[in-house]
C-alpha atoms as a PDB file:
ATOM      1  CA  MET A   1      19.702 -20.869 -28.565  1.00  0.00           C
ATOM      2  CA  MET A   2      17.238 -19.532 -25.077  1.00  0.00           C
ATOM      3  CA  THR A   3      15.285 -16.071 -25.314  1.00  0.00           C
ATOM      4  CA  ALA A   4      14.256 -13.952 -22.419  1.00  0.00           C
ATOM      5  CA  PRO A   5      11.332 -13.580 -20.681  1.00  0.00           C
ATOM      6  CA  ALA A   6       8.712 -10.665 -22.379  1.00  0.00           C
ATOM      7  CA  ALA A   7       9.077  -8.577 -19.462  1.00  0.00           C
ATOM      8  CA  PHE A   8       6.153  -7.406 -17.036  1.00  0.00           C
ATOM      9  CA  ALA A   9       7.281  -3.688 -16.715  1.00  0.00           C
ATOM     10  CA  ASP A  10       6.792  -2.244 -20.054  1.00  0.00           C
ATOM     11  CA  ALA A  11       5.173   1.409 -20.682  1.00  0.00           C
ATOM     12  CA  LYS A  12       2.030  -0.466 -20.783  1.00  0.00           C
ATOM     13  CA  THR A  13       2.381  -1.071 -16.453  1.00  0.00           C
ATOM     14  CA  GLU A  14       4.305   2.196 -15.573  1.00  0.00           C
ATOM     15  CA  ALA A  15       1.660   4.030 -17.054  1.00  0.00           C
ATOM     16  CA  TYR A  16      -0.694   2.009 -14.900  1.00  0.00           C
ATOM     17  CA  VAL A  17       1.494   3.436 -12.016  1.00  0.00           C
ATOM     18  CA  GLN A  18       1.642   7.046 -13.100  1.00  0.00           C
ATOM     19  CA  LYS A  19      -1.958   7.566 -13.783  1.00  0.00           C
ATOM     20  CA  ASN A  20      -3.038   5.778 -10.804  1.00  0.00           C
ATOM     21  CA  ALA A  21       0.061   7.288  -8.496  1.00  0.00           C
ATOM     22  CA  SER A  22      -1.067  10.981 -10.498  1.00  0.00           C
ATOM     23  CA  GLU A  23      -4.769  10.701  -9.205  1.00  0.00           C
ATOM     24  CA  VAL A  24      -3.973   9.527  -5.411  1.00  0.00           C
ATOM     25  CA  LEU A  25      -1.589  12.624  -5.304  1.00  0.00           C
ATOM     26  CA  ALA A  26      -4.360  14.842  -6.390  1.00  0.00           C
ATOM     27  CA  SER A  27      -6.545  13.258  -4.104  1.00  0.00           C
ATOM     28  CA  LEU A  28      -4.282  13.991  -1.296  1.00  0.00           C
ATOM     29  CA  ASN A  29      -3.651  17.557  -2.746  1.00  0.00           C
ATOM     30  CA  ASP A  30      -7.141  18.973  -3.789  1.00  0.00           C
ATOM     31  CA  PRO A  31      -8.181  22.161  -1.609  1.00  0.00           C
ATOM     32  CA  SER A  32     -11.577  21.716  -1.891  1.00  0.00           C
ATOM     33  CA  LEU A  33     -12.124  18.411  -0.841  1.00  0.00           C
ATOM     34  CA  SER A  34     -12.583  18.921   3.453  1.00  0.00           C
ATOM     35  CA  ALA A  35     -10.119  16.189   5.361  1.00  0.00           C
ATOM     36  CA  GLU A  36     -14.109  13.588   4.852  1.00  0.00           C
ATOM     37  CA  GLU A  37     -14.117  13.819   1.798  1.00  0.00           C
ATOM     38  CA  ARG A  38     -10.109  13.885   1.292  1.00  0.00           C
ATOM     39  CA  THR A  39      -9.838  10.397   2.703  1.00  0.00           C
ATOM     40  CA  GLU A  40     -13.119   9.411   1.272  1.00  0.00           C
ATOM     41  CA  LYS A  41     -11.997   9.942  -1.783  1.00  0.00           C
ATOM     42  CA  PHE A  42      -8.196   8.645  -1.337  1.00  0.00           C
ATOM     43  CA  ASN A  43      -9.597   5.270   0.344  1.00  0.00           C
ATOM     44  CA  THR A  44     -11.889   4.841  -3.409  1.00  0.00           C
ATOM     45  CA  TYR A  45      -8.378   5.410  -5.149  1.00  0.00           C
ATOM     46  CA  MET A  46      -6.836   2.952  -2.801  1.00  0.00           C
ATOM     47  CA  ASP A  47      -9.582   0.490  -3.764  1.00  0.00           C
ATOM     48  CA  GLU A  48      -9.177   0.197  -6.578  1.00  0.00           C
ATOM     49  CA  PHE A  49      -5.803   0.764  -6.770  1.00  0.00           C
ATOM     50  CA  THR A  50      -4.348  -1.777  -4.701  1.00  0.00           C
ATOM     51  CA  ASP A  51      -5.577  -5.824  -3.483  1.00  0.00           C
ATOM     52  CA  MET A  52      -6.379  -5.023  -0.449  1.00  0.00           C
ATOM     53  CA  THR A  53      -7.493  -8.803  -0.087  1.00  0.00           C
ATOM     54  CA  ALA A  54      -3.498 -10.028  -1.476  1.00  0.00           C
ATOM     55  CA  VAL A  55      -2.311  -7.602   0.979  1.00  0.00           C
ATOM     56  CA  SER A  56      -4.524  -8.631   4.268  1.00  0.00           C
ATOM     57  CA  ASN A  57      -3.282 -12.005   3.242  1.00  0.00           C
ATOM     58  CA  PHE A  58       0.547 -10.974   2.893  1.00  0.00           C
ATOM     59  CA  ALA A  59       0.790  -9.434   6.582  1.00  0.00           C
ATOM     60  CA  ILE A  60      -0.958 -13.210   8.695  1.00  0.00           C
ATOM     61  CA  GLY A  61       0.668 -14.918   5.908  1.00  0.00           C
ATOM     62  CA  LYS A  62      -0.229 -19.131   7.384  1.00  0.00           C
ATOM     63  CA  TYR A  63      -2.460 -17.303   9.434  1.00  0.00           C
ATOM     64  CA  ALA A  64      -4.744 -16.186   6.859  1.00  0.00           C
ATOM     65  CA  ARG A  65      -5.242 -20.029   6.290  1.00  0.00           C
ATOM     66  CA  ARG A  66      -5.499 -20.888  10.243  1.00  0.00           C
ATOM     67  CA  PHE A  67      -8.589 -18.066  10.793  1.00  0.00           C
ATOM     68  CA  SER A  68     -12.040 -18.504  10.389  1.00  0.00           C
ATOM     69  CA  ASP A  69     -14.253 -17.486   8.151  1.00  0.00           C
ATOM     70  CA  ASP A  70     -15.807 -14.942  10.824  1.00  0.00           C
ATOM     71  CA  GLU A  71     -12.413 -13.906  11.881  1.00  0.00           C
ATOM     72  CA  LEU A  72     -10.592 -13.572   8.654  1.00  0.00           C
ATOM     73  CA  THR A  73     -13.972 -10.527   7.648  1.00  0.00           C
ATOM     74  CA  ARG A  74     -13.109  -9.055  10.545  1.00  0.00           C
ATOM     75  CA  TYR A  75      -9.212  -8.878  10.118  1.00  0.00           C
ATOM     76  CA  ARG A  76     -10.128  -7.723   6.894  1.00  0.00           C
ATOM     77  CA  LYS A  77     -12.130  -5.160   7.451  1.00  0.00           C
ATOM     78  CA  VAL A  78     -10.079  -3.786  10.312  1.00  0.00           C
ATOM     79  CA  PHE A  79      -6.840  -3.927   8.514  1.00  0.00           C
ATOM     80  CA  ARG A  80      -8.023  -2.398   5.844  1.00  0.00           C
ATOM     81  CA  GLU A  81      -9.059   0.812   7.169  1.00  0.00           C
ATOM     82  CA  TYR A  82      -5.920   0.557   8.901  1.00  0.00           C
ATOM     83  CA  ALA A  83      -3.543  -0.109   5.871  1.00  0.00           C
ATOM     84  CA  LEU A  84      -6.392   2.740   4.139  1.00  0.00           C
ATOM     85  CA  ALA A  85      -4.858   4.880   7.483  1.00  0.00           C
ATOM     86  CA  VAL A  86      -1.675   4.247   7.011  1.00  0.00           C
ATOM     87  CA  TYR A  87      -1.293   4.338   3.786  1.00  0.00           C
ATOM     88  CA  GLU A  88      -2.488   8.106   3.913  1.00  0.00           C
ATOM     89  CA  ASN A  89      -0.419   8.959   6.390  1.00  0.00           C
ATOM     90  CA  GLU A  90       2.789   8.067   4.699  1.00  0.00           C
ATOM     91  CA  LEU A  91       1.417   9.984   1.676  1.00  0.00           C
ATOM     92  CA  ASP A  92      -0.045  13.006   2.905  1.00  0.00           C
ATOM     93  CA  ASP A  93       3.542  14.293   4.727  1.00  0.00           C
ATOM     94  CA  TYR A  94       4.646  14.309   1.811  1.00  0.00           C
ATOM     95  CA  ARG A  95       2.500  16.202  -0.416  1.00  0.00           C
ATOM     96  CA  GLY A  96       3.526  16.205  -3.893  1.00  0.00           C
ATOM     97  CA  GLU A  97       3.401  17.886  -7.071  1.00  0.00           C
ATOM     98  CA  ALA A  98       3.370  15.159  -9.998  1.00  0.00           C
ATOM     99  CA  VAL A  99       4.439  11.705  -9.550  1.00  0.00           C
ATOM    100  CA  VAL A 100       7.573  10.606 -12.264  1.00  0.00           C
ATOM    101  CA  VAL A 101       8.115   7.042 -13.273  1.00  0.00           C
ATOM    102  CA  LYS A 102      11.506   6.367 -13.090  1.00  0.00           C
ATOM    103  CA  ASP A 103      12.047   2.936 -14.086  1.00  0.00           C
ATOM    104  CA  SER A 104      11.040  -0.575 -13.444  1.00  0.00           C
ATOM    105  CA  VAL A 105      12.502  -3.746 -12.625  1.00  0.00           C
ATOM    106  CA  ASP A 106      10.874  -7.615 -13.924  1.00  0.00           C
ATOM    107  CA  ARG A 107      11.127  -9.743 -11.156  1.00  0.00           C
ATOM    108  CA  SER A 108       8.783 -12.505 -12.650  1.00  0.00           C
ATOM    109  CA  PRO A 109       6.350 -12.543 -15.741  1.00  0.00           C
ATOM    110  CA  THR A 110       3.753 -11.598 -13.576  1.00  0.00           C
ATOM    111  CA  ASP A 111       5.504  -8.987 -10.484  1.00  0.00           C
ATOM    112  CA  SER A 112       7.728  -5.610 -10.966  1.00  0.00           C
ATOM    113  CA  ILE A 113       8.759  -2.633  -9.000  1.00  0.00           C
ATOM    114  CA  VAL A 114       7.869   0.349 -10.651  1.00  0.00           C
ATOM    115  CA  ASN A 115       9.904   3.040  -9.434  1.00  0.00           C
ATOM    116  CA  THR A 116       8.478   6.824  -8.766  1.00  0.00           C
ATOM    117  CA  VAL A 117       9.023  10.118  -7.548  1.00  0.00           C
ATOM    118  CA  ILE A 118       7.136  12.305  -6.292  1.00  0.00           C
ATOM    119  CA  LYS A 119       7.910  15.917  -7.224  1.00  0.00           C
ATOM    120  CA  ARG A 120       7.829  18.594  -4.064  1.00  0.00           C
ATOM    121  CA  GLN A 121       8.218  22.280  -4.389  1.00  0.00           C
ATOM    122  CA  ASP A 122      10.209  22.039  -2.056  1.00  0.00           C
ATOM    123  CA  GLY A 123      12.340  20.231  -3.400  1.00  0.00           C
ATOM    124  CA  LYS A 124      12.981  18.009  -1.179  1.00  0.00           C
ATOM    125  CA  ASP A 125      11.370  15.054  -3.767  1.00  0.00           C
ATOM    126  CA  MET A 126      10.386  11.254  -2.328  1.00  0.00           C
ATOM    127  CA  ASP A 127      10.613   7.561  -3.880  1.00  0.00           C
ATOM    128  CA  VAL A 128       8.152   5.776  -3.631  1.00  0.00           C
ATOM    129  CA  ARG A 129       8.296   1.915  -5.249  1.00  0.00           C
ATOM    130  CA  TRP A 130       5.355   0.597  -6.711  1.00  0.00           C
ATOM    131  CA  ARG A 131       5.105  -3.448  -6.557  1.00  0.00           C
ATOM    132  CA  VAL A 132       2.580  -4.397  -9.380  1.00  0.00           C
ATOM    133  CA  LEU A 133       1.348  -8.144 -10.131  1.00  0.00           C
ATOM    134  CA  SER A 134      -0.498  -8.571 -13.629  1.00  0.00           C
ATOM    135  CA  ARG A 135      -3.652 -11.243 -13.182  1.00  0.00           C
ATOM    136  CA  ASP A 136      -5.090 -12.125 -15.937  1.00  0.00           C
ATOM    137  CA  GLY A 137      -4.611  -8.436 -17.232  1.00  0.00           C
ATOM    138  CA  LYS A 138      -5.347  -6.740 -14.810  1.00  0.00           C
ATOM    139  CA  TYR A 139      -2.675  -4.664 -12.907  1.00  0.00           C
ATOM    140  CA  GLN A 140      -2.956  -4.350  -8.752  1.00  0.00           C
ATOM    141  CA  VAL A 141      -0.502  -2.580  -6.398  1.00  0.00           C
ATOM    142  CA  VAL A 142       0.211  -5.263  -3.663  1.00  0.00           C
ATOM    143  CA  ASP A 143       2.891  -3.552  -1.665  1.00  0.00           C
ATOM    144  CA  VAL A 144       4.089   0.133  -1.759  1.00  0.00           C
ATOM    145  CA  ALA A 145       7.555   1.206  -0.403  1.00  0.00           C
ATOM    146  CA  LEU A 146       8.256   5.044   0.679  1.00  0.00           C
ATOM    147  CA  ASN A 147      11.928   6.261   1.583  1.00  0.00           C
ATOM    148  CA  LEU A 148      12.033   7.689   4.677  1.00  0.00           C
ATOM    149  CA  ASP A 149      14.999   9.154   6.763  1.00  0.00           C
ATOM    150  CA  GLY A 150      17.080   6.634   4.378  1.00  0.00           C
ATOM    151  CA  ASN A 151      15.173   4.019   4.221  1.00  0.00           C
ATOM    152  CA  LEU A 152      13.454   2.091   2.425  1.00  0.00           C
ATOM    153  CA  ILE A 153      10.199   0.630   4.200  1.00  0.00           C
ATOM    154  CA  TRP A 154       7.954  -1.379   2.244  1.00  0.00           C
ATOM    155  CA  LEU A 155       4.454  -0.749   3.861  1.00  0.00           C
ATOM    156  CA  ALA A 156       3.156  -4.724   3.318  1.00  0.00           C
ATOM    157  CA  ILE A 157       6.604  -6.102   4.446  1.00  0.00           C
ATOM    158  CA  GLU A 158       7.179  -3.964   7.828  1.00  0.00           C
ATOM    159  CA  GLN A 159       3.280  -4.520   8.862  1.00  0.00           C
ATOM    160  CA  ARG A 160       3.932  -8.872   8.482  1.00  0.00           C
ATOM    161  CA  ALA A 161       6.810  -8.468  10.444  1.00  0.00           C
ATOM    162  CA  GLN A 162       4.667  -6.514  13.350  1.00  0.00           C
ATOM    163  CA  PHE A 163       1.638  -9.095  12.957  1.00  0.00           C
ATOM    164  CA  LEU A 164       2.739 -12.126  12.446  1.00  0.00           C
ATOM    165  CA  ALA A 165       5.396 -11.400  15.428  1.00  0.00           C
ATOM    166  CA  LEU A 166       2.277 -10.619  17.687  1.00  0.00           C
ATOM    167  CA  LEU A 167       0.061 -14.288  16.614  1.00  0.00           C
ATOM    168  CA  ASP A 168       2.990 -16.021  17.388  1.00  0.00           C
ATOM    169  CA  ARG A 169       2.979 -14.640  20.599  1.00  0.00           C
ATOM    170  CA  THR A 170      -0.756 -15.213  21.451  1.00  0.00           C
ATOM    171  CA  ASN A 171      -1.159 -18.594  19.494  1.00  0.00           C
ATOM    172  CA  GLY A 172      -2.625 -17.320  16.440  1.00  0.00           C
ATOM    173  CA  SER A 173      -5.689 -14.975  18.411  1.00  0.00           C
ATOM    174  CA  ALA A 174      -6.938 -13.459  15.801  1.00  0.00           C
ATOM    175  CA  ASP A 175      -8.939 -11.323  18.178  1.00  0.00           C
ATOM    176  CA  ALA A 176      -6.051 -10.569  19.445  1.00  0.00           C
ATOM    177  CA  LEU A 177      -4.675  -9.042  16.375  1.00  0.00           C
ATOM    178  CA  ILE A 178      -7.817  -7.134  15.514  1.00  0.00           C
ATOM    179  CA  GLU A 179      -7.933  -5.385  19.068  1.00  0.00           C
ATOM    180  CA  LYS A 180      -4.093  -4.667  18.278  1.00  0.00           C
ATOM    181  CA  ILE A 181      -4.830  -3.402  14.437  1.00  0.00           C
ATOM    182  CA  GLU A 182      -7.709  -1.421  16.079  1.00  0.00           C
ATOM    183  CA  SER A 183      -5.411   0.780  18.377  1.00  0.00           C
ATOM    184  CA  MET A 184      -3.230   1.360  15.962  1.00  0.00           C
ATOM    185  CA  LYS A 185      -5.754   2.726  13.766  1.00  0.00           C
ATOM    186  CA  GLN A 186      -6.996   5.147  16.607  1.00  0.00           C
ATOM    187  CA  ASN A 187      -3.706   5.934  16.880  1.00  0.00           C
ATOM    188  CA  LEU A 188      -3.067   6.690  14.036  1.00  0.00           C
ATOM    189  CA  GLU A 189      -6.628   8.953  13.708  1.00  0.00           C
ATOM    190  CA  SER A 190      -5.581  10.610  16.859  1.00  0.00           C
ATOM    191  CA  LYS A 191      -2.322  11.983  15.550  1.00  0.00           C
ATOM    192  CA  LYS A 192      -4.063  13.295  12.481  1.00  0.00           C
ATOM    193  CA  ARG A 193      -6.373  15.248  14.177  1.00  0.00           C
ATOM    194  CA  SER A 194      -3.460  16.903  15.795  1.00  0.00           C
END
């Protein structure tokens, strides 16, 4: 008789997402913070909540092994700045009152999707899915999916498609990718200021 593997997406995983997503949301909603303080607090939470190294490596696929150590360091720095700006920008557009965990789905014993909804006063609740990995008993988010205009967009998967297309076109140029990410980050920052 076969037994099912232990489910990873248990109450602890869901509680992890509930607690951390609520703290991230609270940092975006805190009226006592200046824009700079809010961004700094948001970035601190996201650095703890998200495995930026794993996300940055995923976004460039095979090129993570092809970049020199210096190229990888420079890429990861600009990727982190850009990814945090994207997450803040997207979540900031959908500020809410509370994060509610709906359910979760196991992809493997160490990989789950936790489905949440951000409750809003205007009734336009937003579905957000968090891909969570467990490594050595520690949970970290490696991707976030937002329901934007009826389309579920996984941010790391979206970035991977864009970055790999650019790297394939430029013969794997780390400099071209870094320049493109810098440009995308500056566009986000100017949009945020206006």
